[in-house]
Amino acid sequence: MLLTWGPVVRLRNVARSIGLTRLIGKWRNAAGYEERFGNSMLQAVRPGDTVWDVGANVGFYTAKFSDATGERGTVVAFEPVPGCFQRLSQQVLGRSNVRLVNAGLGRSSGTVSFDVGDGSVHPNARIVEGGASGGGKVLQLPVYTGDDAVRAQGLPAPNLAKIDVEGFELDVLTGMETVLRSSECRDVFVEIHFGLLNSRGMPGAPDEIVSRLRGCGYDVRWIDASHIHASRARAGEGR
């Protein structure tokens, strides 16, 4: 059963304030948390779709999207971190329907500082505002807005987008408003990183993310306590 968005945001913020986030993490692992999110995305993909994998990391979902869209489809995988991008390239080697972009998406185009840990494959590499934490390695890496990526990079607009960007999900959505308003963009899946958003001083970002997507014409539902599915089809187009 999908959850309504207001109570989910409030419950997550209350849980964090009273120290229950570790218990939430244990529940996530026990309940097949990530699997539900992945299954929901793959069920929404149609043969021939264009899928954007924003924050592709090493390509776990990129490969699955490639299979689901088929030969007539296109998967555009965005991954700025060099170590992850190398693994991603190996993961999708020989897949003719995958296009790789060694850059991230954000609020504006340019370069940003990424904390990439020790410089190897780092699943939680993210943009940093200030110095790296814990002695991590910081690299200056390219970032585009989603709208600029379509115009300047000649990329196809997505029918479905998956966004997992470690606390910068609102930034990504802000930079791709034209893409989001396109009737071609049917489904958007976002992982909401409550803790990282709070650490950026953005506790209200989850509400703003939902409001922004609804303002672009989507019906927004929570798949679970950290993942949302925005669907234009449910908002009136039908399937």
C-alpha atoms as a PDB file:
ATOM      1  CA  MET A   1       0.000   0.000   0.000  1.00  0.00           C
ATOM      2  CA  LEU A   2       1.318   3.453  -0.907  1.00  0.00           C
ATOM      3  CA  LEU A   3       1.403   6.091   1.828  1.00  0.00           C
ATOM      4  CA  THR A   4       0.179   9.681   1.827  1.00  0.00           C
ATOM      5  CA  TRP A   5       2.981  12.214   1.918  1.00  0.00           C
ATOM      6  CA  GLY A   6       2.188  14.549   4.819  1.00  0.00           C
ATOM      7  CA  PRO A   7       2.188  11.961   7.646  1.00  0.00           C
ATOM      8  CA  VAL A   8       5.320  10.289   6.280  1.00  0.00           C
ATOM      9  CA  VAL A   9       7.347  13.498   6.421  1.00  0.00           C
ATOM     10  CA  ARG A  10       6.118  14.344   9.909  1.00  0.00           C
ATOM     11  CA  LEU A  11       6.774  10.843  11.251  1.00  0.00           C
ATOM     12  CA  ARG A  12      10.286  10.727   9.798  1.00  0.00           C
ATOM     13  CA  ASN A  13      11.167  14.104  11.297  1.00  0.00           C
ATOM     14  CA  VAL A  14       9.737  13.130  14.707  1.00  0.00           C
ATOM     15  CA  ALA A  15      11.606   9.799  14.611  1.00  0.00           C
ATOM     16  CA  ARG A  16      14.857  11.583  13.886  1.00  0.00           C
ATOM     17  CA  SER A  17      14.310  14.101  16.674  1.00  0.00           C
ATOM     18  CA  ILE A  18      13.854  11.345  19.298  1.00  0.00           C
ATOM     19  CA  GLY A  19      16.632   9.095  18.017  1.00  0.00           C
ATOM     20  CA  LEU A  20      14.669   6.329  16.295  1.00  0.00           C
ATOM     21  CA  THR A  21      16.461   6.468  12.955  1.00  0.00           C
ATOM     22  CA  ARG A  22      18.611   3.398  13.727  1.00  0.00           C
ATOM     23  CA  LEU A  23      15.466   1.388  14.340  1.00  0.00           C
ATOM     24  CA  ILE A  24      14.044   2.691  11.076  1.00  0.00           C
ATOM     25  CA  GLY A  25      17.228   1.536   9.334  1.00  0.00           C
ATOM     26  CA  LYS A  26      16.862  -1.966  10.774  1.00  0.00           C
ATOM     27  CA  TRP A  27      13.220  -2.063   9.670  1.00  0.00           C
ATOM     28  CA  ARG A  28      14.220  -0.967   6.178  1.00  0.00           C
ATOM     29  CA  ASN A  29      16.694  -3.823   5.802  1.00  0.00           C
ATOM     30  CA  ALA A  30      14.349  -6.436   7.255  1.00  0.00           C
ATOM     31  CA  ALA A  31      11.386  -5.400   5.125  1.00  0.00           C
ATOM     32  CA  GLY A  32      13.037  -5.555   1.693  1.00  0.00           C
ATOM     33  CA  TYR A  33      12.976  -1.749   1.616  1.00  0.00           C
ATOM     34  CA  GLU A  34      15.155  -1.138  -1.439  1.00  0.00           C
ATOM     35  CA  GLU A  35      13.597  -4.067  -3.275  1.00  0.00           C
ATOM     36  CA  ARG A  36      10.131  -2.482  -3.110  1.00  0.00           C
ATOM     37  CA  PHE A  37      11.499   0.746  -4.529  1.00  0.00           C
ATOM     38  CA  GLY A  38      13.283  -1.081  -7.342  1.00  0.00           C
ATOM     39  CA  ASN A  39      10.272  -3.192  -8.205  1.00  0.00           C
ATOM     40  CA  SER A  40       8.027  -0.126  -8.346  1.00  0.00           C
ATOM     41  CA  MET A  41      10.386   1.578 -10.783  1.00  0.00           C
ATOM     42  CA  LEU A  42      10.795  -1.424 -13.046  1.00  0.00           C
ATOM     43  CA  GLN A  43       7.041  -1.995 -13.163  1.00  0.00           C
ATOM     44  CA  ALA A  44       6.612   1.590 -14.397  1.00  0.00           C
ATOM     45  CA  VAL A  45       9.120   1.231 -17.268  1.00  0.00           C
ATOM     46  CA  ARG A  46       7.633   0.546 -20.698  1.00  0.00           C
ATOM     47  CA  PRO A  47       9.464  -0.956 -23.694  1.00  0.00           C
ATOM     48  CA  GLY A  48      10.878   1.879 -25.790  1.00  0.00           C
ATOM     49  CA  ASP A  49      11.004   4.368 -22.884  1.00  0.00           C
ATOM     50  CA  THR A  50      13.779   6.841 -22.247  1.00  0.00           C
ATOM     51  CA  VAL A  51      14.918   6.502 -18.624  1.00  0.00           C
ATOM     52  CA  TRP A  52      17.199   8.882 -16.753  1.00  0.00           C
ATOM     53  CA  ASP A  53      19.222   7.243 -13.964  1.00  0.00           C
ATOM     54  CA  VAL A  54      20.360  10.287 -11.968  1.00  0.00           C
ATOM     55  CA  GLY A  55      22.981   9.211  -9.472  1.00  0.00           C
ATOM     56  CA  ALA A  56      23.669   5.939 -11.261  1.00  0.00           C
ATOM     57  CA  ASN A  57      26.605   4.986  -9.019  1.00  0.00           C
ATOM     58  CA  VAL A  58      28.007   1.677 -10.379  1.00  0.00           C
ATOM     59  CA  GLY A  59      25.002   0.915 -12.591  1.00  0.00           C
ATOM     60  CA  PHE A  60      22.867  -1.549 -10.618  1.00  0.00           C
ATOM     61  CA  TYR A  61      19.627   0.053 -11.802  1.00  0.00           C
ATOM     62  CA  THR A  62      21.108   1.237 -15.112  1.00  0.00           C
ATOM     63  CA  ALA A  63      21.481  -2.358 -16.269  1.00  0.00           C
ATOM     64  CA  LYS A  64      17.962  -3.241 -15.119  1.00  0.00           C
ATOM     65  CA  PHE A  65      16.531  -0.218 -16.909  1.00  0.00           C
ATOM     66  CA  SER A  66      18.437  -1.242 -20.045  1.00  0.00           C
ATOM     67  CA  ASP A  67      16.775  -4.652 -19.964  1.00  0.00           C
ATOM     68  CA  ALA A  68      13.331  -3.186 -19.276  1.00  0.00           C
ATOM     69  CA  THR A  69      13.368  -0.549 -22.032  1.00  0.00           C
ATOM     70  CA  GLY A  70      14.676  -2.956 -24.665  1.00  0.00           C
ATOM     71  CA  GLU A  71      16.411  -2.222 -27.953  1.00  0.00           C
ATOM     72  CA  ARG A  72      14.020   0.614 -28.822  1.00  0.00           C
ATOM     73  CA  GLY A  73      14.590   2.344 -25.504  1.00  0.00           C
ATOM     74  CA  THR A  74      17.322   4.594 -24.147  1.00  0.00           C
ATOM     75  CA  VAL A  75      18.862   4.815 -20.690  1.00  0.00           C
ATOM     76  CA  VAL A  76      20.827   7.946 -19.813  1.00  0.00           C
ATOM     77  CA  ALA A  77      22.983   7.342 -16.722  1.00  0.00           C
ATOM     78  CA  PHE A  78      24.427  10.351 -14.883  1.00  0.00           C
ATOM     79  CA  GLU A  79      27.367   9.649 -12.572  1.00  0.00           C
ATOM     80  CA  PRO A  80      30.006  12.299 -11.733  1.00  0.00           C
ATOM     81  CA  VAL A  81      32.369  10.340  -9.443  1.00  0.00           C
ATOM     82  CA  PRO A  82      35.301   8.891 -11.451  1.00  0.00           C
ATOM     83  CA  GLY A  83      35.628   5.585  -9.568  1.00  0.00           C
ATOM     84  CA  CYS A  84      31.906   4.899  -9.776  1.00  0.00           C
ATOM     85  CA  PHE A  85      31.773   5.979 -13.418  1.00  0.00           C
ATOM     86  CA  GLN A  86      34.506   3.499 -14.304  1.00  0.00           C
ATOM     87  CA  ARG A  87      32.566   0.654 -12.682  1.00  0.00           C
ATOM     88  CA  LEU A  88      29.371   1.883 -14.324  1.00  0.00           C
ATOM     89  CA  SER A  89      31.058   1.809 -17.742  1.00  0.00           C
ATOM     90  CA  GLN A  90      32.121  -1.797 -17.152  1.00  0.00           C
ATOM     91  CA  GLN A  91      28.660  -2.766 -15.918  1.00  0.00           C
ATOM     92  CA  VAL A  92      26.910  -1.627 -19.113  1.00  0.00           C
ATOM     93  CA  LEU A  93      29.650  -2.534 -21.604  1.00  0.00           C
ATOM     94  CA  GLY A  94      28.068  -3.681 -24.852  1.00  0.00           C
ATOM     95  CA  ARG A  95      24.602  -2.305 -24.059  1.00  0.00           C
ATOM     96  CA  SER A  96      23.801  -0.184 -27.092  1.00  0.00           C
ATOM     97  CA  ASN A  97      20.754   1.457 -25.522  1.00  0.00           C
ATOM     98  CA  VAL A  98      22.727   3.049 -22.659  1.00  0.00           C
ATOM     99  CA  ARG A  99      24.277   6.511 -22.832  1.00  0.00           C
ATOM    100  CA  LEU A 100      26.682   7.505 -20.060  1.00  0.00           C
ATOM    101  CA  VAL A 101      27.218  11.055 -18.817  1.00  0.00           C
ATOM    102  CA  ASN A 102      30.204  11.590 -16.522  1.00  0.00           C
ATOM    103  CA  ALA A 103      28.527  14.468 -14.674  1.00  0.00           C
ATOM    104  CA  GLY A 104      25.897  15.094 -12.052  1.00  0.00           C
ATOM    105  CA  LEU A 105      22.665  17.049 -12.175  1.00  0.00           C
ATOM    106  CA  GLY A 106      21.896  19.981  -9.923  1.00  0.00           C
ATOM    107  CA  ARG A 107      20.356  23.403  -9.463  1.00  0.00           C
ATOM    108  CA  SER A 108      22.800  25.119 -11.840  1.00  0.00           C
ATOM    109  CA  SER A 109      25.421  24.108 -14.402  1.00  0.00           C
ATOM    110  CA  GLY A 110      29.129  24.333 -13.625  1.00  0.00           C
ATOM    111  CA  THR A 111      31.456  22.470 -11.263  1.00  0.00           C
ATOM    112  CA  VAL A 112      30.886  21.478  -7.650  1.00  0.00           C
ATOM    113  CA  SER A 113      32.910  19.883  -4.851  1.00  0.00           C
ATOM    114  CA  PHE A 114      32.273  16.163  -4.319  1.00  0.00           C
ATOM    115  CA  ASP A 115      33.418  14.246  -1.265  1.00  0.00           C
ATOM    116  CA  VAL A 116      34.412  10.893  -2.806  1.00  0.00           C
ATOM    117  CA  GLY A 117      35.769   9.267   0.339  1.00  0.00           C
ATOM    118  CA  ASP A 118      39.094   7.578  -0.378  1.00  0.00           C
ATOM    119  CA  GLY A 119      38.711   8.180  -4.125  1.00  0.00           C
ATOM    120  CA  SER A 120      37.621   4.622  -4.966  1.00  0.00           C
ATOM    121  CA  VAL A 121      34.065   3.389  -5.522  1.00  0.00           C
ATOM    122  CA  HIS A 122      32.096   5.161  -2.812  1.00  0.00           C
ATOM    123  CA  PRO A 123      28.334   4.509  -2.625  1.00  0.00           C
ATOM    124  CA  ASN A 124      27.681   7.639  -0.562  1.00  0.00           C
ATOM    125  CA  ALA A 125      29.792  10.129  -2.516  1.00  0.00           C
ATOM    126  CA  ARG A 126      28.040  13.483  -2.486  1.00  0.00           C
ATOM    127  CA  ILE A 127      28.319  17.195  -3.035  1.00  0.00           C
ATOM    128  CA  VAL A 128      29.869  19.009  -0.093  1.00  0.00           C
ATOM    129  CA  GLU A 129      29.277  22.576   0.979  1.00  0.00           C
ATOM    130  CA  GLY A 130      32.571  23.300   2.732  1.00  0.00           C
ATOM    131  CA  GLY A 131      35.335  20.805   3.500  1.00  0.00           C
ATOM    132  CA  ALA A 132      35.158  17.034   3.294  1.00  0.00           C
ATOM    133  CA  SER A 133      34.124  15.177   6.420  1.00  0.00           C
ATOM    134  CA  GLY A 134      36.375  12.565   8.010  1.00  0.00           C
ATOM    135  CA  GLY A 135      39.371  13.336   5.818  1.00  0.00           C
ATOM    136  CA  GLY A 136      37.602  12.372   2.596  1.00  0.00           C
ATOM    137  CA  LYS A 137      38.950  13.285  -0.805  1.00  0.00           C
ATOM    138  CA  VAL A 138      37.288  16.269  -2.512  1.00  0.00           C
ATOM    139  CA  LEU A 139      37.162  16.599  -6.296  1.00  0.00           C
ATOM    140  CA  GLN A 140      35.779  19.352  -8.518  1.00  0.00           C
ATOM    141  CA  LEU A 141      33.331  17.601 -10.843  1.00  0.00           C
ATOM    142  CA  PRO A 142      30.936  18.785 -13.567  1.00  0.00           C
ATOM    143  CA  VAL A 143      27.231  19.297 -12.963  1.00  0.00           C
ATOM    144  CA  TYR A 144      24.456  20.310 -15.354  1.00  0.00           C
ATOM    145  CA  THR A 145      20.880  21.232 -14.798  1.00  0.00           C
ATOM    146  CA  GLY A 146      18.582  18.648 -16.314  1.00  0.00           C
ATOM    147  CA  ASP A 147      17.194  21.306 -18.643  1.00  0.00           C
ATOM    148  CA  ASP A 148      20.707  22.302 -19.791  1.00  0.00           C
ATOM    149  CA  ALA A 149      21.587  18.638 -20.339  1.00  0.00           C
ATOM    150  CA  VAL A 150      18.728  18.315 -22.819  1.00  0.00           C
ATOM    151  CA  ARG A 151      19.609  21.506 -24.676  1.00  0.00           C
ATOM    152  CA  ALA A 152      23.411  21.560 -24.586  1.00  0.00           C
ATOM    153  CA  GLN A 153      24.210  17.856 -24.472  1.00  0.00           C
ATOM    154  CA  GLY A 154      21.561  16.776 -26.947  1.00  0.00           C
ATOM    155  CA  LEU A 155      20.025  14.279 -24.538  1.00  0.00           C
ATOM    156  CA  PRO A 156      16.539  12.877 -24.956  1.00  0.00           C
ATOM    157  CA  ALA A 157      14.039  13.952 -22.311  1.00  0.00           C
ATOM    158  CA  PRO A 158      12.958  11.110 -20.014  1.00  0.00           C
ATOM    159  CA  ASN A 159       9.702   9.245 -19.819  1.00  0.00           C
ATOM    160  CA  LEU A 160      10.847   8.046 -16.392  1.00  0.00           C
ATOM    161  CA  ALA A 161      13.498   9.437 -14.064  1.00  0.00           C
ATOM    162  CA  LYS A 162      15.104   7.872 -10.993  1.00  0.00           C
ATOM    163  CA  ILE A 163      16.834  10.360  -8.666  1.00  0.00           C
ATOM    164  CA  ASP A 164      19.153   9.227  -5.855  1.00  0.00           C
ATOM    165  CA  VAL A 165      21.597  12.028  -5.103  1.00  0.00           C
ATOM    166  CA  GLU A 166      22.404  11.969  -1.379  1.00  0.00           C
ATOM    167  CA  GLY A 167      20.515  15.002  -0.073  1.00  0.00           C
ATOM    168  CA  PHE A 168      20.524  17.086  -3.271  1.00  0.00           C
ATOM    169  CA  GLU A 169      17.268  15.777  -4.687  1.00  0.00           C
ATOM    170  CA  LEU A 170      15.533  19.163  -4.433  1.00  0.00           C
ATOM    171  CA  ASP A 171      18.449  20.777  -6.312  1.00  0.00           C
ATOM    172  CA  VAL A 172      18.129  18.243  -9.130  1.00  0.00           C
ATOM    173  CA  LEU A 173      14.376  18.755  -9.426  1.00  0.00           C
ATOM    174  CA  THR A 174      14.787  22.550  -9.395  1.00  0.00           C
ATOM    175  CA  GLY A 175      17.205  22.340 -12.328  1.00  0.00           C
ATOM    176  CA  MET A 176      14.930  20.188 -14.483  1.00  0.00           C
ATOM    177  CA  GLU A 177      11.586  21.965 -14.225  1.00  0.00           C
ATOM    178  CA  THR A 178      11.117  22.220 -17.989  1.00  0.00           C
ATOM    179  CA  VAL A 179      11.793  18.481 -18.286  1.00  0.00           C
ATOM    180  CA  LEU A 180       9.361  17.746 -15.456  1.00  0.00           C
ATOM    181  CA  ARG A 181       6.613  19.821 -17.060  1.00  0.00           C
ATOM    182  CA  SER A 182       6.971  18.012 -20.366  1.00  0.00           C
ATOM    183  CA  SER A 183       4.082  15.665 -21.103  1.00  0.00           C
ATOM    184  CA  GLU A 184       6.701  13.080 -22.126  1.00  0.00           C
ATOM    185  CA  CYS A 185       7.921  12.750 -18.533  1.00  0.00           C
ATOM    186  CA  ARG A 186       5.457  10.307 -17.029  1.00  0.00           C
ATOM    187  CA  ASP A 187       7.052   8.927 -13.840  1.00  0.00           C
ATOM    188  CA  VAL A 188       9.608  10.289 -11.369  1.00  0.00           C
ATOM    189  CA  PHE A 189      11.066   8.215  -8.527  1.00  0.00           C
ATOM    190  CA  VAL A 190      13.018   9.992  -5.795  1.00  0.00           C
ATOM    191  CA  GLU A 191      14.893   8.741  -2.744  1.00  0.00           C
ATOM    192  CA  ILE A 192      14.515  11.306   0.038  1.00  0.00           C
ATOM    193  CA  HIS A 193      17.586  11.534   2.289  1.00  0.00           C
ATOM    194  CA  PHE A 194      16.029  13.079   5.408  1.00  0.00           C
ATOM    195  CA  GLY A 195      19.211  13.099   7.484  1.00  0.00           C
ATOM    196  CA  LEU A 196      21.358  14.711   4.805  1.00  0.00           C
ATOM    197  CA  LEU A 197      18.685  17.318   4.048  1.00  0.00           C
ATOM    198  CA  ASN A 198      18.481  18.141   7.763  1.00  0.00           C
ATOM    199  CA  SER A 199      22.268  18.456   7.932  1.00  0.00           C
ATOM    200  CA  ARG A 200      22.079  21.011   5.096  1.00  0.00           C
ATOM    201  CA  GLY A 201      19.563  23.046   7.114  1.00  0.00           C
ATOM    202  CA  MET A 202      16.712  21.976   4.830  1.00  0.00           C
ATOM    203  CA  PRO A 203      14.240  20.065   7.044  1.00  0.00           C
ATOM    204  CA  GLY A 204      11.348  21.337   4.925  1.00  0.00           C
ATOM    205  CA  ALA A 205      12.815  20.017   1.657  1.00  0.00           C
ATOM    206  CA  PRO A 206      10.722  16.808   1.568  1.00  0.00           C
ATOM    207  CA  ASP A 207       7.528  18.879   1.647  1.00  0.00           C
ATOM    208  CA  GLU A 208       8.935  21.201  -1.013  1.00  0.00           C
ATOM    209  CA  ILE A 209       9.887  18.253  -3.220  1.00  0.00           C
ATOM    210  CA  VAL A 210       6.353  16.898  -3.074  1.00  0.00           C
ATOM    211  CA  SER A 211       4.838  20.345  -3.689  1.00  0.00           C
ATOM    212  CA  ARG A 212       7.134  20.986  -6.643  1.00  0.00           C
ATOM    213  CA  LEU A 213       6.229  17.690  -8.279  1.00  0.00           C
ATOM    214  CA  ARG A 214       2.526  18.217  -7.677  1.00  0.00           C
ATOM    215  CA  GLY A 215       2.860  21.708  -9.171  1.00  0.00           C
ATOM    216  CA  CYS A 216       4.292  20.114 -12.319  1.00  0.00           C
ATOM    217  CA  GLY A 217       1.174  17.993 -12.696  1.00  0.00           C
ATOM    218  CA  TYR A 218       2.058  14.761 -10.901  1.00  0.00           C
ATOM    219  CA  ASP A 219       0.212  12.736  -8.336  1.00  0.00           C
ATOM    220  CA  VAL A 220       2.753  11.964  -5.595  1.00  0.00           C
ATOM    221  CA  ARG A 221       2.663   8.898  -3.343  1.00  0.00           C
ATOM    222  CA  TRP A 222       5.127   7.455  -0.840  1.00  0.00           C
ATOM    223  CA  ILE A 223       6.252   3.926  -1.651  1.00  0.00           C
ATOM    224  CA  ASP A 224       7.750   3.672   1.836  1.00  0.00           C
ATOM    225  CA  ALA A 225       9.277   5.983   4.419  1.00  0.00           C
ATOM    226  CA  SER A 226      12.016   7.350   2.129  1.00  0.00           C
ATOM    227  CA  HIS A 227      10.937   6.828  -1.491  1.00  0.00           C
ATOM    228  CA  ILE A 228       8.341   8.675  -3.535  1.00  0.00           C
ATOM    229  CA  HIS A 229       6.723   7.960  -6.872  1.00  0.00           C
ATOM    230  CA  ALA A 230       5.379  10.920  -8.845  1.00  0.00           C
ATOM    231  CA  SER A 231       3.139   9.774 -11.669  1.00  0.00           C
ATOM    232  CA  ARG A 232       1.506  11.852 -14.370  1.00  0.00           C
ATOM    233  CA  ALA A 233      -0.470   8.782 -15.446  1.00  0.00           C
ATOM    234  CA  ARG A 234      -2.245   8.577 -12.079  1.00  0.00           C
ATOM    235  CA  ALA A 235      -2.835  12.313 -12.222  1.00  0.00           C
ATOM    236  CA  GLY A 236      -5.136  11.871 -15.208  1.00  0.00           C
ATOM    237  CA  GLU A 237      -3.566  10.351 -18.299  1.00  0.00           C
ATOM    238  CA  GLY A 238      -4.339   6.702 -17.534  1.00  0.00           C
ATOM    239  CA  ARG A 239      -2.221   3.716 -18.462  1.00  0.00           C
END
